[in-house]
C-alpha atoms as a PDB file:
ATOM      1  CA  UNK A   1       0.000   0.000   0.000  1.00  0.00           C
ATOM      2  CA  UNK A   2       1.567   3.304  -1.080  1.00  0.00           C
ATOM      3  CA  UNK A   3       0.829   6.757   0.224  1.00  0.00           C
ATOM      4  CA  UNK A   4      -2.299   8.552  -0.941  1.00  0.00           C
ATOM      5  CA  UNK A   5      -1.321  12.103  -0.045  1.00  0.00           C
ATOM      6  CA  UNK A   6       1.464  14.408  -1.087  1.00  0.00           C
ATOM      7  CA  UNK A   7       3.744  15.957   1.477  1.00  0.00           C
ATOM      8  CA  UNK A   8       3.139  19.606   0.627  1.00  0.00           C
ATOM      9  CA  UNK A   9       4.119  21.024   3.988  1.00  0.00           C
ATOM     10  CA  UNK A  10       6.147  24.122   4.759  1.00  0.00           C
ATOM     11  CA  UNK A  11       8.693  24.061   7.601  1.00  0.00           C
ATOM     12  CA  UNK A  12       7.039  27.029   9.339  1.00  0.00           C
ATOM     13  CA  UNK A  13       3.794  25.005   9.678  1.00  0.00           C
ATOM     14  CA  UNK A  14       5.443  22.160  11.602  1.00  0.00           C
ATOM     15  CA  UNK A  15       4.805  22.359  15.340  1.00  0.00           C
ATOM     16  CA  UNK A  16       7.324  20.583  17.558  1.00  0.00           C
ATOM     17  CA  UNK A  17       6.275  18.431  19.290  1.00  0.00           C
ATOM     18  CA  UNK A  18       3.419  17.394  17.067  1.00  0.00           C
ATOM     19  CA  UNK A  19       1.655  14.461  15.408  1.00  0.00           C
ATOM     20  CA  UNK A  20       2.253  14.018  11.675  1.00  0.00           C
ATOM     21  CA  UNK A  21       2.578  11.370   8.981  1.00  0.00           C
ATOM     22  CA  UNK A  22       6.142  10.666   7.863  1.00  0.00           C
ATOM     23  CA  UNK A  23       6.755   9.438   4.307  1.00  0.00           C
ATOM     24  CA  UNK A  24       9.653   7.249   3.196  1.00  0.00           C
ATOM     25  CA  UNK A  25      10.398   5.522  -0.088  1.00  0.00           C
ATOM     26  CA  UNK A  26      11.187   1.830   0.437  1.00  0.00           C
ATOM     27  CA  UNK A  27      12.095  -0.308  -2.590  1.00  0.00           C
ATOM     28  CA  UNK A  28      10.545   2.289  -4.885  1.00  0.00           C
ATOM     29  CA  UNK A  29       7.242   2.435  -2.980  1.00  0.00           C
ATOM     30  CA  UNK A  30       6.159   5.294  -0.705  1.00  0.00           C
ATOM     31  CA  UNK A  31       5.313   4.143   2.835  1.00  0.00           C
ATOM     32  CA  UNK A  32       3.646   6.272   5.511  1.00  0.00           C
ATOM     33  CA  UNK A  33       3.828   6.201   9.296  1.00  0.00           C
ATOM     34  CA  UNK A  34       1.922   8.082  11.979  1.00  0.00           C
ATOM     35  CA  UNK A  35       4.585   9.600  14.222  1.00  0.00           C
ATOM     36  CA  UNK A  36       5.374  12.335  16.714  1.00  0.00           C
ATOM     37  CA  UNK A  37       7.913  14.897  15.571  1.00  0.00           C
ATOM     38  CA  UNK A  38       9.922  15.590  18.731  1.00  0.00           C
ATOM     39  CA  UNK A  39      12.626  18.045  17.661  1.00  0.00           C
ATOM     40  CA  UNK A  40      14.302  19.846  14.782  1.00  0.00           C
ATOM     41  CA  UNK A  41      18.051  20.443  14.519  1.00  0.00           C
ATOM     42  CA  UNK A  42      19.666  21.938  11.405  1.00  0.00           C
ATOM     43  CA  UNK A  43      16.481  21.384   9.335  1.00  0.00           C
ATOM     44  CA  UNK A  44      16.401  17.678  10.225  1.00  0.00           C
ATOM     45  CA  UNK A  45      13.299  16.544  12.080  1.00  0.00           C
ATOM     46  CA  UNK A  46      13.538  13.807  14.709  1.00  0.00           C
ATOM     47  CA  UNK A  47      10.456  11.610  15.125  1.00  0.00           C
ATOM     48  CA  UNK A  48       9.249   8.656  17.190  1.00  0.00           C
ATOM     49  CA  UNK A  49       6.701   6.020  16.266  1.00  0.00           C
ATOM     50  CA  UNK A  50       5.480   2.595  17.331  1.00  0.00           C
ATOM     51  CA  UNK A  51       2.412   0.861  18.664  1.00  0.00           C
ATOM     52  CA  UNK A  52       4.082  -1.210  21.379  1.00  0.00           C
ATOM     53  CA  UNK A  53       7.825  -0.624  21.168  1.00  0.00           C
ATOM     54  CA  UNK A  54       9.086   2.779  20.096  1.00  0.00           C
ATOM     55  CA  UNK A  55      11.336   3.504  17.139  1.00  0.00           C
ATOM     56  CA  UNK A  56      13.143   6.695  16.189  1.00  0.00           C
ATOM     57  CA  UNK A  57      13.924   8.314  12.883  1.00  0.00           C
ATOM     58  CA  UNK A  58      15.013  11.489  11.151  1.00  0.00           C
ATOM     59  CA  UNK A  59      13.750  13.187   8.011  1.00  0.00           C
ATOM     60  CA  UNK A  60      13.558  16.483   6.144  1.00  0.00           C
ATOM     61  CA  UNK A  61      10.386  18.569   6.087  1.00  0.00           C
ATOM     62  CA  UNK A  62       9.393  17.420   2.589  1.00  0.00           C
ATOM     63  CA  UNK A  63       8.819  13.890   3.988  1.00  0.00           C
ATOM     64  CA  UNK A  64       6.308  15.140   6.564  1.00  0.00           C
ATOM     65  CA  UNK A  65       2.620  15.781   6.017  1.00  0.00           C
ATOM     66  CA  UNK A  66      -0.251  16.964   8.191  1.00  0.00           C
ATOM     67  CA  UNK A  67      -2.910  14.481   9.222  1.00  0.00           C
ATOM     68  CA  UNK A  68      -6.026  14.522   7.059  1.00  0.00           C
ATOM     69  CA  UNK A  69      -9.354  15.421   8.684  1.00  0.00           C
ATOM     70  CA  UNK A  70     -10.207  11.706   8.814  1.00  0.00           C
ATOM     71  CA  UNK A  71      -6.866  10.905  10.457  1.00  0.00           C
ATOM     72  CA  UNK A  72      -7.354  13.746  12.970  1.00  0.00           C
ATOM     73  CA  UNK A  73     -10.713  12.203  13.924  1.00  0.00           C
ATOM     74  CA  UNK A  74      -9.133   8.746  14.326  1.00  0.00           C
ATOM     75  CA  UNK A  75      -6.472  10.314  16.554  1.00  0.00           C
ATOM     76  CA  UNK A  76      -9.147  12.075  18.666  1.00  0.00           C
ATOM     77  CA  UNK A  77     -10.882   8.717  19.077  1.00  0.00           C
ATOM     78  CA  UNK A  78      -7.526   7.111  20.003  1.00  0.00           C
ATOM     79  CA  UNK A  79      -7.853   4.664  17.105  1.00  0.00           C
ATOM     80  CA  UNK A  80      -4.111   4.674  16.456  1.00  0.00           C
ATOM     81  CA  UNK A  81      -4.071   1.305  14.702  1.00  0.00           C
ATOM     82  CA  UNK A  82      -6.238   2.832  11.954  1.00  0.00           C
ATOM     83  CA  UNK A  83      -3.631   5.525  11.240  1.00  0.00           C
ATOM     84  CA  UNK A  84      -0.814   4.866   8.735  1.00  0.00           C
ATOM     85  CA  UNK A  85       1.460   2.132  10.156  1.00  0.00           C
ATOM     86  CA  UNK A  86       3.697   1.110   7.253  1.00  0.00           C
ATOM     87  CA  UNK A  87       7.198   1.456   8.731  1.00  0.00           C
ATOM     88  CA  UNK A  88       9.048  -1.367  10.442  1.00  0.00           C
ATOM     89  CA  UNK A  89       7.416  -2.290  13.768  1.00  0.00           C
ATOM     90  CA  UNK A  90       8.711  -4.663  16.434  1.00  0.00           C
ATOM     91  CA  UNK A  91       7.608  -5.908  19.825  1.00  0.00           C
ATOM     92  CA  UNK A  92       9.638  -4.852  22.862  1.00  0.00           C
ATOM     93  CA  UNK A  93      11.826  -7.526  24.402  1.00  0.00           C
END
């Protein structure tokens, strides 16, 4: 499943910390992941994601997009498993 939305975000619209969808191209296919952007240093955004165990990553602003209205509603309802979850996930040990 590839991403359905473009990442047309501007750096000045990114609130840190904040909930966003991170995009990454894996084997030629765009994947998306609901994540929390936790900091920005030298125009590189640090994010965390994971349903059970937490993972960390870094990206540039052009790989970040705002949640859609539907995704915002899922977040409000705490239905996190229905949000994009396409990055590597693992169980804690």
